[in-house]
Structure formats: C-alpha cells, structure tokens
Amino acid sequence: MSFYREYILPGIVNHLCSSSPITRQREKIVRQATGRVLEIGVGSGLNFPFYDHRKVSLLIGLEPSLKMISMAEKRAQRRMDRVSFLDASACQIPLESNSIDSVVVTYTLCTIPDILSALKEMYRVPKPGGKLYFCEHGLAPDKAVLKWQNRLTSLWRYIAGGCHLNRRIPELIEGEGFYIQEMKTTYLPGPRPLTFNYWGRGIKR
C-alpha cells in the first residue's frame, strides 16, 4: 500500500466526508437503523453520533483500512457503547447469513472496486425483511453534469481512494436483489459532478 493511501488519504476522506451537507445526509439515514447493525465502510466513525442507542443492540463496523479503524475506535469511546470492528472487505463479510437486522452504507458504494460482489454480500447477511439504509453520491440525471462525471472519474478515483462519480446507485442496489422501498435525490451544495445524492431504504425480499 502506498504512503499516500496509508497515511494521507484517510485524513482527506475524513475531512471531505464530514462537511455540513454530507453530515445532514448521514443523519437522515443512520438514525433509522435498528437491531443488529452492520455498517459497511465505517471509516473514521462519522456516523456514530446519529445512531439511536435505544434501538441498536449492536453495531458492527466493517472497514478494510486499519488507519480508519484506529480513528473509529477513538470516536467510539466517546459515542458508542456496543460496537465491534471487522478488518475485512465488503466482498467477503465474515458474518453468518441472515444474521443482521440493518445494513448501513454511506458514501462507500462509490469506492468499492468489486461493487457487485460487495452488494451480493450485503444482501446475504441481513435476515429476510432486513433493511439496507443507503446514502450515496453517483450518476446525475443531467447530461451536461454526467459528461463531466465521466471525464473526471479517472482522476478523481486516484485522488479520492477509488471513488467513482458516475455509478448508477439504484440500479446496482436493485440488481443484487434489494427492493428499494423509499428513495430521494438531490444536488448538495458544491460542484455538481461531485454532489448528486441518492438516499433511502431497501429491503431484502
């Protein structure tokens, strides 16, 4: 792993993903999670303040970066009392099938290299009727914006740890079996190629 990805990128990601507009988006989604919760790409623990402790029996944070886990552990000491961490890839989640009530994923689906394998795993681990709560940025509906997303993605992926600006988030989620019960979209403040957001709830059928 390069020096940039190991030591520089985690700080950049933590800064970019803790802006006020993104923080408000996180809160809308995270507060809905209940029961045994698996958070994919827990990162530095930016979602911890928004979990409803009365409704969450256990939070399992999955994260492949040890640097990020270290940052999340410090934040968990202040915010969470029932949390454990998995140093693992979303493409091979080390949990039993049908063992989770809620899966939470925020600003992570854009970065996973093998997104289809990861979504298969996210579908495997919840119980029947389990929920996927998602908040992501991705493909914009406006042709002019989409053109810039396609142009910028190769450079942006290098800068932002593999982040794709142009993934078709709803199609990817439903393509692996989830039914999207509710979803909203909008542009957040900032450059439009970077800020088209999807957020909502899917269910395991």
N, C-alpha and C. Protein backbone atom coordinates (compact mmCIF):
# COMPACT_ATOMS: atom_id res chain seq x y z
N MET A 1 0.85 -1.20 0.00
CA MET A 1 0.00 0.00 0.00
C MET A 1 0.88 1.25 0.00
N SER A 2 0.52 2.25 -0.82
CA SER A 2 1.35 3.44 -0.94
C SER A 2 1.28 4.31 0.30
N PHE A 3 2.29 5.15 0.46
CA PHE A 3 2.33 6.10 1.58
C PHE A 3 1.10 7.00 1.54
N TYR A 4 0.71 7.44 0.33
CA TYR A 4 -0.45 8.32 0.18
C TYR A 4 -1.72 7.65 0.70
N ARG A 5 -1.97 6.41 0.26
CA ARG A 5 -3.20 5.71 0.66
C ARG A 5 -3.21 5.37 2.14
N GLU A 6 -2.04 5.09 2.69
CA GLU A 6 -1.97 4.65 4.09
C GLU A 6 -2.02 5.81 5.07
N TYR A 7 -1.35 6.92 4.75
CA TYR A 7 -1.18 7.99 5.73
C TYR A 7 -1.85 9.31 5.37
N ILE A 8 -1.99 9.60 4.08
CA ILE A 8 -2.56 10.88 3.66
C ILE A 8 -4.05 10.78 3.37
N LEU A 9 -4.43 9.75 2.61
CA LEU A 9 -5.82 9.61 2.17
C LEU A 9 -6.83 9.54 3.32
N PRO A 10 -6.59 8.78 4.41
CA PRO A 10 -7.59 8.74 5.48
C PRO A 10 -7.97 10.11 6.02
N GLY A 11 -6.99 11.01 6.17
CA GLY A 11 -7.29 12.36 6.65
C GLY A 11 -8.10 13.15 5.65
N ILE A 12 -7.78 13.00 4.35
CA ILE A 12 -8.53 13.70 3.31
C ILE A 12 -9.97 13.22 3.28
N VAL A 13 -10.16 11.90 3.31
CA VAL A 13 -11.51 11.33 3.28
C VAL A 13 -12.32 11.78 4.49
N ASN A 14 -11.69 11.75 5.66
CA ASN A 14 -12.38 12.19 6.88
C ASN A 14 -12.84 13.64 6.76
N HIS A 15 -11.99 14.49 6.17
CA HIS A 15 -12.33 15.91 6.01
C HIS A 15 -13.46 16.09 5.00
N LEU A 16 -13.33 15.46 3.83
CA LEU A 16 -14.34 15.62 2.77
C LEU A 16 -15.70 15.09 3.21
N CYS A 17 -15.69 14.00 3.95
CA CYS A 17 -16.94 13.33 4.31
C CYS A 17 -17.57 13.87 5.59
N SER A 18 -16.98 14.91 6.17
CA SER A 18 -17.56 15.48 7.39
C SER A 18 -18.08 16.90 7.16
N SER A 19 -18.28 17.29 5.90
CA SER A 19 -18.85 18.61 5.61
C SER A 19 -20.28 18.67 6.13
N SER A 20 -20.79 19.87 6.33
CA SER A 20 -22.14 20.04 6.89
C SER A 20 -23.23 19.41 6.03
N PRO A 21 -23.24 19.62 4.69
CA PRO A 21 -24.30 18.99 3.88
C PRO A 21 -24.27 17.47 3.95
N ILE A 22 -23.07 16.88 3.90
CA ILE A 22 -22.97 15.42 3.97
C ILE A 22 -23.35 14.92 5.35
N THR A 23 -22.99 15.64 6.38
CA THR A 23 -23.36 15.25 7.74
C THR A 23 -24.87 15.21 7.90
N ARG A 24 -25.57 16.19 7.33
CA ARG A 24 -27.04 16.18 7.41
C ARG A 24 -27.63 14.98 6.67
N GLN A 25 -27.03 14.61 5.55
CA GLN A 25 -27.49 13.44 4.82
C GLN A 25 -27.29 12.17 5.64
N ARG A 26 -26.14 12.04 6.26
CA ARG A 26 -25.87 10.88 7.10
C ARG A 26 -26.94 10.72 8.19
N GLU A 27 -27.25 11.82 8.85
CA GLU A 27 -28.19 11.76 9.97
C GLU A 27 -29.55 11.23 9.53
N LYS A 28 -30.02 11.64 8.35
CA LYS A 28 -31.32 11.20 7.86
C LYS A 28 -31.42 9.67 7.78
N ILE A 29 -30.32 9.05 7.39
CA ILE A 29 -30.31 7.62 7.15
C ILE A 29 -29.96 6.82 8.40
N VAL A 30 -28.89 7.20 9.07
CA VAL A 30 -28.34 6.40 10.16
C VAL A 30 -29.32 6.25 11.31
N ARG A 31 -30.06 7.28 11.62
CA ARG A 31 -30.98 7.23 12.76
C ARG A 31 -32.09 6.21 12.59
N GLN A 32 -32.29 5.68 11.36
CA GLN A 32 -33.35 4.71 11.11
C GLN A 32 -32.94 3.27 11.44
N ALA A 33 -31.64 3.01 11.55
CA ALA A 33 -31.15 1.65 11.74
C ALA A 33 -31.57 1.09 13.09
N THR A 34 -31.90 -0.21 13.11
CA THR A 34 -32.33 -0.86 14.35
C THR A 34 -31.70 -2.24 14.48
N GLY A 35 -31.73 -2.76 15.73
CA GLY A 35 -31.30 -4.13 16.00
C GLY A 35 -29.80 -4.31 15.85
N ARG A 36 -29.41 -5.46 15.31
CA ARG A 36 -28.01 -5.74 14.99
C ARG A 36 -27.68 -5.05 13.68
N VAL A 37 -26.77 -4.10 13.75
CA VAL A 37 -26.49 -3.23 12.60
C VAL A 37 -25.07 -3.50 12.09
N LEU A 38 -24.97 -3.66 10.78
CA LEU A 38 -23.66 -3.74 10.13
C LEU A 38 -23.46 -2.48 9.31
N GLU A 39 -22.41 -1.73 9.62
CA GLU A 39 -22.10 -0.55 8.81
C GLU A 39 -20.93 -0.90 7.89
N ILE A 40 -21.17 -0.78 6.60
CA ILE A 40 -20.16 -1.07 5.59
C ILE A 40 -19.31 0.17 5.37
N GLY A 41 -17.99 0.00 5.50
CA GLY A 41 -17.10 1.15 5.33
C GLY A 41 -17.29 2.16 6.45
N VAL A 42 -17.12 1.69 7.68
CA VAL A 42 -17.38 2.56 8.83
C VAL A 42 -16.42 3.74 8.87
N GLY A 43 -15.29 3.63 8.17
CA GLY A 43 -14.35 4.75 8.10
C GLY A 43 -13.87 5.19 9.48
N SER A 44 -13.90 6.49 9.70
CA SER A 44 -13.43 7.04 10.98
C SER A 44 -14.55 7.18 12.01
N GLY A 45 -15.72 6.61 11.71
CA GLY A 45 -16.82 6.63 12.66
C GLY A 45 -17.67 7.88 12.62
N LEU A 46 -17.75 8.53 11.46
CA LEU A 46 -18.51 9.77 11.36
C LEU A 46 -20.00 9.59 11.59
N ASN A 47 -20.50 8.36 11.42
CA ASN A 47 -21.93 8.12 11.63
C ASN A 47 -22.30 7.87 13.09
N PHE A 48 -21.33 7.65 13.94
CA PHE A 48 -21.62 7.24 15.32
C PHE A 48 -22.59 8.18 16.06
N PRO A 49 -22.49 9.50 15.90
CA PRO A 49 -23.39 10.36 16.67
C PRO A 49 -24.86 10.22 16.32
N PHE A 50 -25.16 9.58 15.19
CA PHE A 50 -26.54 9.58 14.69
C PHE A 50 -27.29 8.29 14.95
N TYR A 51 -26.63 7.27 15.47
CA TYR A 51 -27.34 6.04 15.80
C TYR A 51 -28.22 6.26 17.03
N ASP A 52 -29.41 5.68 17.01
CA ASP A 52 -30.32 5.73 18.14
C ASP A 52 -29.98 4.58 19.08
N HIS A 53 -29.33 4.88 20.18
CA HIS A 53 -28.84 3.85 21.09
C HIS A 53 -29.98 3.02 21.68
N ARG A 54 -31.18 3.57 21.72
CA ARG A 54 -32.33 2.82 22.24
C ARG A 54 -32.76 1.72 21.30
N LYS A 55 -32.42 1.85 20.02
CA LYS A 55 -32.89 0.90 19.00
C LYS A 55 -31.80 -0.04 18.48
N VAL A 56 -30.54 0.28 18.75
CA VAL A 56 -29.42 -0.52 18.23
C VAL A 56 -28.87 -1.42 19.34
N SER A 57 -28.96 -2.73 19.15
CA SER A 57 -28.44 -3.67 20.15
C SER A 57 -26.95 -3.89 19.99
N LEU A 58 -26.44 -3.83 18.75
CA LEU A 58 -25.02 -3.98 18.48
C LEU A 58 -24.71 -3.33 17.14
N LEU A 59 -23.61 -2.58 17.09
CA LEU A 59 -23.11 -2.02 15.84
C LEU A 59 -21.81 -2.72 15.47
N ILE A 60 -21.77 -3.28 14.28
CA ILE A 60 -20.57 -3.92 13.76
C ILE A 60 -20.05 -3.04 12.63
N GLY A 61 -18.85 -2.50 12.80
CA GLY A 61 -18.27 -1.62 11.79
C GLY A 61 -17.26 -2.36 10.94
N LEU A 62 -17.54 -2.51 9.65
CA LEU A 62 -16.64 -3.19 8.73
C LEU A 62 -15.79 -2.16 8.01
N GLU A 63 -14.47 -2.37 8.00
CA GLU A 63 -13.57 -1.38 7.40
C GLU A 63 -12.25 -2.04 7.03
N PRO A 64 -11.80 -1.95 5.77
CA PRO A 64 -10.55 -2.59 5.37
C PRO A 64 -9.29 -1.80 5.72
N SER A 65 -9.42 -0.55 6.16
CA SER A 65 -8.26 0.27 6.48
C SER A 65 -8.02 0.29 7.99
N LEU A 66 -6.85 -0.21 8.40
CA LEU A 66 -6.52 -0.22 9.83
C LEU A 66 -6.38 1.19 10.38
N LYS A 67 -5.90 2.12 9.56
CA LYS A 67 -5.80 3.52 9.98
C LYS A 67 -7.18 4.08 10.30
N MET A 68 -8.15 3.79 9.44
CA MET A 68 -9.51 4.26 9.67
C MET A 68 -10.12 3.61 10.91
N ILE A 69 -9.87 2.31 11.10
CA ILE A 69 -10.39 1.64 12.29
C ILE A 69 -9.83 2.27 13.55
N SER A 70 -8.57 2.62 13.54
CA SER A 70 -7.96 3.28 14.69
C SER A 70 -8.66 4.60 15.00
N MET A 71 -8.98 5.36 13.95
CA MET A 71 -9.70 6.62 14.14
C MET A 71 -11.11 6.37 14.67
N ALA A 72 -11.76 5.31 14.14
CA ALA A 72 -13.13 4.99 14.57
C ALA A 72 -13.17 4.52 16.02
N GLU A 73 -12.17 3.76 16.43
CA GLU A 73 -12.14 3.26 17.81
C GLU A 73 -12.08 4.42 18.80
N LYS A 74 -11.33 5.44 18.47
CA LYS A 74 -11.25 6.60 19.36
C LYS A 74 -12.60 7.31 19.43
N ARG A 75 -13.26 7.44 18.29
CA ARG A 75 -14.57 8.10 18.27
C ARG A 75 -15.61 7.24 18.99
N ALA A 76 -15.50 5.92 18.87
CA ALA A 76 -16.46 5.02 19.53
C ALA A 76 -16.37 5.14 21.05
N GLN A 77 -15.19 5.39 21.58
CA GLN A 77 -15.02 5.52 23.02
C GLN A 77 -15.86 6.67 23.58
N ARG A 78 -16.11 7.66 22.72
CA ARG A 78 -16.90 8.82 23.16
C ARG A 78 -18.38 8.69 22.81
N ARG A 79 -18.71 7.87 21.80
CA ARG A 79 -20.06 7.89 21.24
C ARG A 79 -20.83 6.58 21.36
N MET A 80 -20.14 5.43 21.33
CA MET A 80 -20.82 4.15 21.23
C MET A 80 -20.41 3.23 22.38
N ASP A 81 -21.38 2.47 22.92
CA ASP A 81 -21.04 1.54 23.98
C ASP A 81 -21.22 0.09 23.56
N ARG A 82 -21.81 -0.17 22.39
CA ARG A 82 -21.99 -1.54 21.90
C ARG A 82 -21.54 -1.59 20.44
N VAL A 83 -20.21 -1.63 20.26
CA VAL A 83 -19.66 -1.60 18.91
C VAL A 83 -18.47 -2.54 18.82
N SER A 84 -18.35 -3.22 17.68
CA SER A 84 -17.18 -4.04 17.39
C SER A 84 -16.75 -3.75 15.96
N PHE A 85 -15.51 -4.09 15.63
CA PHE A 85 -14.97 -3.77 14.31
C PHE A 85 -14.48 -5.02 13.60
N LEU A 86 -14.68 -5.03 12.29
CA LEU A 86 -14.18 -6.10 11.44
C LEU A 86 -13.21 -5.51 10.43
N ASP A 87 -11.98 -5.95 10.48
CA ASP A 87 -10.97 -5.56 9.48
C ASP A 87 -11.15 -6.50 8.29
N ALA A 88 -12.03 -6.12 7.36
CA ALA A 88 -12.39 -7.02 6.27
C ALA A 88 -12.93 -6.23 5.08
N SER A 89 -13.01 -6.93 3.96
CA SER A 89 -13.57 -6.35 2.74
C SER A 89 -15.07 -6.61 2.68
N ALA A 90 -15.80 -5.68 2.09
CA ALA A 90 -17.23 -5.88 1.89
C ALA A 90 -17.52 -7.01 0.91
N CYS A 91 -16.52 -7.42 0.16
CA CYS A 91 -16.70 -8.51 -0.80
C CYS A 91 -16.65 -9.88 -0.13
N GLN A 92 -16.19 -9.94 1.12
CA GLN A 92 -16.15 -11.18 1.89
C GLN A 92 -16.44 -10.85 3.34
N ILE A 93 -17.70 -10.64 3.65
CA ILE A 93 -18.10 -10.24 5.00
C ILE A 93 -18.07 -11.46 5.93
N PRO A 94 -17.27 -11.45 6.97
CA PRO A 94 -17.14 -12.61 7.85
C PRO A 94 -18.26 -12.71 8.89
N LEU A 95 -19.49 -12.76 8.40
CA LEU A 95 -20.67 -12.92 9.25
C LEU A 95 -21.58 -13.99 8.64
N GLU A 96 -22.38 -14.61 9.48
CA GLU A 96 -23.31 -15.63 9.01
C GLU A 96 -24.42 -15.00 8.18
N SER A 97 -24.97 -15.77 7.27
CA SER A 97 -26.12 -15.32 6.50
C SER A 97 -27.32 -15.12 7.43
N ASN A 98 -28.17 -14.17 7.09
CA ASN A 98 -29.42 -13.92 7.82
C ASN A 98 -29.18 -13.61 9.29
N SER A 99 -28.13 -12.85 9.58
CA SER A 99 -27.78 -12.59 10.99
C SER A 99 -27.86 -11.12 11.38
N ILE A 100 -28.23 -10.25 10.45
CA ILE A 100 -28.21 -8.81 10.68
C ILE A 100 -29.59 -8.23 10.43
N ASP A 101 -29.97 -7.23 11.22
CA ASP A 101 -31.26 -6.57 11.03
C ASP A 101 -31.17 -5.40 10.06
N SER A 102 -30.09 -4.64 10.15
CA SER A 102 -29.94 -3.44 9.33
C SER A 102 -28.51 -3.35 8.79
N VAL A 103 -28.40 -3.04 7.51
CA VAL A 103 -27.10 -2.72 6.91
C VAL A 103 -27.11 -1.23 6.58
N VAL A 104 -26.06 -0.54 6.98
CA VAL A 104 -25.93 0.89 6.72
C VAL A 104 -24.72 1.12 5.83
N VAL A 105 -24.90 1.89 4.77
CA VAL A 105 -23.78 2.23 3.89
C VAL A 105 -23.93 3.68 3.45
N THR A 106 -22.93 4.49 3.79
CA THR A 106 -22.97 5.91 3.45
C THR A 106 -21.67 6.32 2.77
N TYR A 107 -21.78 6.83 1.56
CA TYR A 107 -20.63 7.32 0.79
C TYR A 107 -19.51 6.29 0.72
N THR A 108 -19.91 5.05 0.43
CA THR A 108 -18.97 3.93 0.36
C THR A 108 -19.11 3.13 -0.93
N LEU A 109 -20.33 3.00 -1.44
CA LEU A 109 -20.54 2.21 -2.66
C LEU A 109 -19.75 2.77 -3.84
N CYS A 110 -19.42 4.03 -3.78
CA CYS A 110 -18.66 4.66 -4.87
C CYS A 110 -17.22 4.17 -4.93
N THR A 111 -16.69 3.64 -3.84
CA THR A 111 -15.25 3.34 -3.77
C THR A 111 -14.93 1.85 -3.88
N ILE A 112 -15.88 0.96 -3.67
CA ILE A 112 -15.59 -0.48 -3.64
C ILE A 112 -15.27 -0.96 -5.06
N PRO A 113 -14.09 -1.55 -5.28
CA PRO A 113 -13.73 -1.96 -6.63
C PRO A 113 -14.69 -2.99 -7.24
N ASP A 114 -14.96 -4.06 -6.50
CA ASP A 114 -15.88 -5.10 -7.00
C ASP A 114 -17.24 -4.87 -6.36
N ILE A 115 -17.95 -3.89 -6.86
CA ILE A 115 -19.20 -3.46 -6.23
C ILE A 115 -20.27 -4.55 -6.27
N LEU A 116 -20.32 -5.35 -7.33
CA LEU A 116 -21.36 -6.38 -7.44
C LEU A 116 -21.16 -7.47 -6.39
N SER A 117 -19.91 -7.90 -6.18
CA SER A 117 -19.65 -8.90 -5.14
C SER A 117 -19.98 -8.35 -3.75
N ALA A 118 -19.67 -7.08 -3.54
CA ALA A 118 -19.97 -6.47 -2.24
C ALA A 118 -21.47 -6.41 -1.98
N LEU A 119 -22.24 -6.03 -2.99
CA LEU A 119 -23.69 -5.95 -2.82
C LEU A 119 -24.32 -7.34 -2.63
N LYS A 120 -23.75 -8.35 -3.26
CA LYS A 120 -24.22 -9.72 -3.01
C LYS A 120 -24.04 -10.08 -1.54
N GLU A 121 -22.89 -9.70 -0.98
CA GLU A 121 -22.63 -9.97 0.43
C GLU A 121 -23.55 -9.15 1.33
N MET A 122 -23.80 -7.90 0.96
CA MET A 122 -24.72 -7.06 1.74
C MET A 122 -26.14 -7.63 1.72
N TYR A 123 -26.48 -8.33 0.65
CA TYR A 123 -27.80 -8.96 0.57
C TYR A 123 -27.84 -10.27 1.35
N ARG A 124 -26.70 -10.94 1.42
CA ARG A 124 -26.65 -12.24 2.11
C ARG A 124 -26.81 -12.12 3.62
N VAL A 125 -26.17 -11.14 4.22
CA VAL A 125 -26.08 -11.13 5.69
C VAL A 125 -27.36 -10.66 6.42
N PRO A 126 -28.24 -9.83 5.84
CA PRO A 126 -29.45 -9.47 6.59
C PRO A 126 -30.45 -10.63 6.64
N LYS A 127 -31.29 -10.58 7.65
CA LYS A 127 -32.42 -11.51 7.75
C LYS A 127 -33.43 -11.19 6.64
N PRO A 128 -34.28 -12.14 6.27
CA PRO A 128 -35.38 -11.80 5.35
C PRO A 128 -36.19 -10.63 5.91
N GLY A 129 -36.41 -9.63 5.10
CA GLY A 129 -37.08 -8.43 5.58
C GLY A 129 -36.13 -7.41 6.18
N GLY A 130 -34.84 -7.77 6.26
CA GLY A 130 -33.84 -6.84 6.77
C GLY A 130 -33.70 -5.64 5.85
N LYS A 131 -33.19 -4.55 6.39
CA LYS A 131 -33.14 -3.28 5.65
C LYS A 131 -31.71 -2.91 5.26
N LEU A 132 -31.61 -2.26 4.12
CA LEU A 132 -30.38 -1.60 3.69
C LEU A 132 -30.66 -0.10 3.67
N TYR A 133 -29.97 0.63 4.52
CA TYR A 133 -30.11 2.10 4.56
C TYR A 133 -28.89 2.68 3.85
N PHE A 134 -29.13 3.45 2.80
CA PHE A 134 -28.03 3.93 1.98
C PHE A 134 -28.11 5.44 1.76
N CYS A 135 -26.95 6.04 1.65
CA CYS A 135 -26.81 7.45 1.30
C CYS A 135 -25.52 7.55 0.50
N GLU A 136 -25.65 7.88 -0.79
CA GLU A 136 -24.52 7.81 -1.70
C GLU A 136 -24.59 8.94 -2.72
N HIS A 137 -23.46 9.24 -3.31
CA HIS A 137 -23.46 10.12 -4.47
C HIS A 137 -23.21 9.27 -5.71
N GLY A 138 -23.64 9.76 -6.88
CA GLY A 138 -23.46 8.96 -8.07
C GLY A 138 -23.97 9.65 -9.32
N LEU A 139 -24.34 8.84 -10.28
CA LEU A 139 -24.73 9.30 -11.61
C LEU A 139 -25.81 10.37 -11.55
N ALA A 140 -25.57 11.49 -12.17
CA ALA A 140 -26.53 12.60 -12.19
C ALA A 140 -27.48 12.45 -13.38
N PRO A 141 -28.68 13.01 -13.30
CA PRO A 141 -29.66 12.89 -14.38
C PRO A 141 -29.45 13.89 -15.52
N ASP A 142 -28.65 14.90 -15.29
CA ASP A 142 -28.45 15.95 -16.29
C ASP A 142 -27.27 15.59 -17.20
N LYS A 143 -27.50 15.65 -18.50
CA LYS A 143 -26.49 15.19 -19.47
C LYS A 143 -25.19 15.99 -19.35
N ALA A 144 -25.29 17.28 -19.14
CA ALA A 144 -24.08 18.10 -19.05
C ALA A 144 -23.25 17.72 -17.82
N VAL A 145 -23.94 17.45 -16.71
CA VAL A 145 -23.24 17.03 -15.48
C VAL A 145 -22.64 15.64 -15.67
N LEU A 146 -23.42 14.74 -16.25
CA LEU A 146 -22.94 13.38 -16.48
C LEU A 146 -21.68 13.37 -17.35
N LYS A 147 -21.64 14.24 -18.34
CA LYS A 147 -20.48 14.32 -19.20
C LYS A 147 -19.22 14.63 -18.39
N TRP A 148 -19.35 15.57 -17.45
CA TRP A 148 -18.20 15.92 -16.61
C TRP A 148 -17.88 14.80 -15.62
N GLN A 149 -18.90 14.11 -15.13
CA GLN A 149 -18.64 12.98 -14.24
C GLN A 149 -17.79 11.92 -14.94
N ASN A 150 -18.14 11.62 -16.18
CA ASN A 150 -17.38 10.63 -16.94
C ASN A 150 -15.96 11.10 -17.22
N ARG A 151 -15.80 12.38 -17.49
CA ARG A 151 -14.47 12.92 -17.77
C ARG A 151 -13.57 12.91 -16.53
N LEU A 152 -14.17 13.22 -15.38
CA LEU A 152 -13.38 13.43 -14.17
C LEU A 152 -13.13 12.16 -13.36
N THR A 153 -13.90 11.12 -13.60
CA THR A 153 -13.86 9.96 -12.70
C THR A 153 -12.47 9.33 -12.60
N SER A 154 -11.76 9.17 -13.71
CA SER A 154 -10.45 8.51 -13.64
C SER A 154 -9.48 9.28 -12.75
N LEU A 155 -9.47 10.60 -12.85
CA LEU A 155 -8.60 11.42 -11.99
C LEU A 155 -9.11 11.41 -10.55
N TRP A 156 -10.41 11.55 -10.37
CA TRP A 156 -10.99 11.60 -9.03
C TRP A 156 -10.76 10.29 -8.28
N ARG A 157 -10.82 9.17 -9.00
CA ARG A 157 -10.57 7.87 -8.37
C ARG A 157 -9.18 7.83 -7.74
N TYR A 158 -8.20 8.41 -8.40
CA TYR A 158 -6.84 8.42 -7.87
C TYR A 158 -6.75 9.31 -6.63
N ILE A 159 -7.36 10.48 -6.70
CA ILE A 159 -7.28 11.44 -5.60
C ILE A 159 -8.05 10.95 -4.38
N ALA A 160 -9.22 10.36 -4.62
CA ALA A 160 -10.17 10.08 -3.53
C ALA A 160 -10.32 8.59 -3.22
N GLY A 161 -9.26 7.83 -3.38
CA GLY A 161 -9.27 6.44 -2.91
C GLY A 161 -10.18 5.52 -3.67
N GLY A 162 -10.29 5.69 -4.99
CA GLY A 162 -11.10 4.79 -5.80
C GLY A 162 -12.53 5.24 -6.01
N CYS A 163 -12.86 6.44 -5.58
CA CYS A 163 -14.25 6.93 -5.66
C CYS A 163 -14.65 7.18 -7.12
N HIS A 164 -15.79 6.57 -7.51
CA HIS A 164 -16.39 6.79 -8.83
C HIS A 164 -17.48 7.86 -8.71
N LEU A 165 -17.48 8.81 -9.62
CA LEU A 165 -18.51 9.85 -9.62
C LEU A 165 -19.77 9.43 -10.35
N ASN A 166 -19.71 8.36 -11.14
CA ASN A 166 -20.77 8.08 -12.10
C ASN A 166 -21.41 6.70 -11.94
N ARG A 167 -21.43 6.15 -10.74
CA ARG A 167 -22.09 4.86 -10.56
C ARG A 167 -23.61 5.03 -10.47
N ARG A 168 -24.31 4.05 -11.06
CA ARG A 168 -25.78 4.05 -11.07
C ARG A 168 -26.27 3.36 -9.78
N ILE A 169 -26.31 4.10 -8.71
CA ILE A 169 -26.54 3.53 -7.38
C ILE A 169 -27.85 2.73 -7.27
N PRO A 170 -29.02 3.27 -7.65
CA PRO A 170 -30.25 2.49 -7.51
C PRO A 170 -30.24 1.21 -8.32
N GLU A 171 -29.73 1.27 -9.53
CA GLU A 171 -29.69 0.07 -10.38
C GLU A 171 -28.78 -0.99 -9.78
N LEU A 172 -27.67 -0.58 -9.22
CA LEU A 172 -26.76 -1.53 -8.60
C LEU A 172 -27.41 -2.20 -7.38
N ILE A 173 -28.07 -1.42 -6.56
CA ILE A 173 -28.71 -1.97 -5.36
C ILE A 173 -29.82 -2.95 -5.73
N GLU A 174 -30.68 -2.57 -6.64
CA GLU A 174 -31.80 -3.44 -7.01
C GLU A 174 -31.32 -4.63 -7.84
N GLY A 175 -30.22 -4.45 -8.56
CA GLY A 175 -29.70 -5.54 -9.38
C GLY A 175 -29.23 -6.73 -8.57
N GLU A 176 -28.90 -6.53 -7.31
CA GLU A 176 -28.44 -7.62 -6.46
C GLU A 176 -29.54 -8.13 -5.52
N GLY A 177 -30.79 -7.73 -5.74
CA GLY A 177 -31.91 -8.35 -5.04
C GLY A 177 -32.72 -7.47 -4.12
N PHE A 178 -32.18 -6.35 -3.67
CA PHE A 178 -32.94 -5.48 -2.78
C PHE A 178 -34.09 -4.81 -3.54
N TYR A 179 -35.18 -4.60 -2.84
CA TYR A 179 -36.27 -3.77 -3.35
C TYR A 179 -36.19 -2.42 -2.67
N ILE A 180 -36.07 -1.35 -3.43
CA ILE A 180 -35.98 -0.02 -2.85
C ILE A 180 -37.38 0.47 -2.48
N GLN A 181 -37.64 0.53 -1.18
CA GLN A 181 -38.94 0.97 -0.68
C GLN A 181 -39.12 2.48 -0.75
N GLU A 182 -38.02 3.19 -0.55
CA GLU A 182 -38.08 4.65 -0.49
C GLU A 182 -36.75 5.22 -0.94
N MET A 183 -36.78 6.26 -1.76
CA MET A 183 -35.54 6.90 -2.18
C MET A 183 -35.81 8.34 -2.58
N LYS A 184 -34.87 9.22 -2.24
CA LYS A 184 -34.92 10.61 -2.64
C LYS A 184 -33.59 10.99 -3.28
N THR A 185 -33.62 12.05 -4.07
CA THR A 185 -32.40 12.51 -4.73
C THR A 185 -32.33 14.03 -4.70
N THR A 186 -31.11 14.55 -4.75
CA THR A 186 -30.92 15.99 -4.85
C THR A 186 -29.45 16.29 -5.11
N TYR A 187 -29.17 17.50 -5.56
CA TYR A 187 -27.81 18.00 -5.59
C TYR A 187 -27.53 18.68 -4.24
N LEU A 188 -26.41 18.33 -3.62
CA LEU A 188 -25.95 19.05 -2.45
C LEU A 188 -25.18 20.28 -2.90
N PRO A 189 -24.93 21.23 -2.01
CA PRO A 189 -24.10 22.38 -2.37
C PRO A 189 -22.71 21.93 -2.83
N GLY A 190 -22.19 22.59 -3.84
CA GLY A 190 -20.86 22.24 -4.33
C GLY A 190 -20.87 21.93 -5.81
N PRO A 191 -19.74 21.53 -6.37
CA PRO A 191 -19.65 21.21 -7.80
C PRO A 191 -20.60 20.06 -8.16
N ARG A 192 -21.43 20.27 -9.14
CA ARG A 192 -22.47 19.28 -9.46
C ARG A 192 -21.95 17.90 -9.83
N PRO A 193 -20.83 17.77 -10.53
CA PRO A 193 -20.36 16.41 -10.82
C PRO A 193 -20.05 15.58 -9.57
N LEU A 194 -19.83 16.26 -8.43
CA LEU A 194 -19.46 15.56 -7.20
C LEU A 194 -20.62 15.41 -6.22
N THR A 195 -21.77 16.03 -6.49
CA THR A 195 -22.72 16.22 -5.40
C THR A 195 -24.14 15.70 -5.64
N PHE A 196 -24.36 14.90 -6.70
CA PHE A 196 -25.71 14.36 -6.85
C PHE A 196 -25.89 13.19 -5.89
N ASN A 197 -26.87 13.29 -5.00
CA ASN A 197 -27.05 12.32 -3.91
C ASN A 197 -28.32 11.50 -4.04
N TYR A 198 -28.18 10.22 -3.67
CA TYR A 198 -29.33 9.31 -3.50
C TYR A 198 -29.36 8.90 -2.03
N TRP A 199 -30.53 8.84 -1.44
CA TRP A 199 -30.63 8.27 -0.09
C TRP A 199 -31.99 7.61 0.09
N GLY A 200 -32.00 6.51 0.86
CA GLY A 200 -33.26 5.80 1.03
C GLY A 200 -33.09 4.48 1.75
N ARG A 201 -34.06 3.61 1.50
CA ARG A 201 -34.15 2.32 2.22
C ARG A 201 -34.51 1.21 1.24
N GLY A 202 -33.73 0.15 1.29
CA GLY A 202 -34.05 -1.07 0.55
C GLY A 202 -34.40 -2.18 1.51
N ILE A 203 -35.06 -3.21 1.01
CA ILE A 203 -35.45 -4.34 1.85
C ILE A 203 -35.04 -5.66 1.17
N LYS A 204 -34.61 -6.60 1.99
CA LYS A 204 -34.27 -7.93 1.48
C LYS A 204 -35.56 -8.73 1.32
N ARG A 205 -35.83 -9.13 0.10
CA ARG A 205 -37.07 -9.86 -0.17
C ARG A 205 -36.89 -11.35 0.07
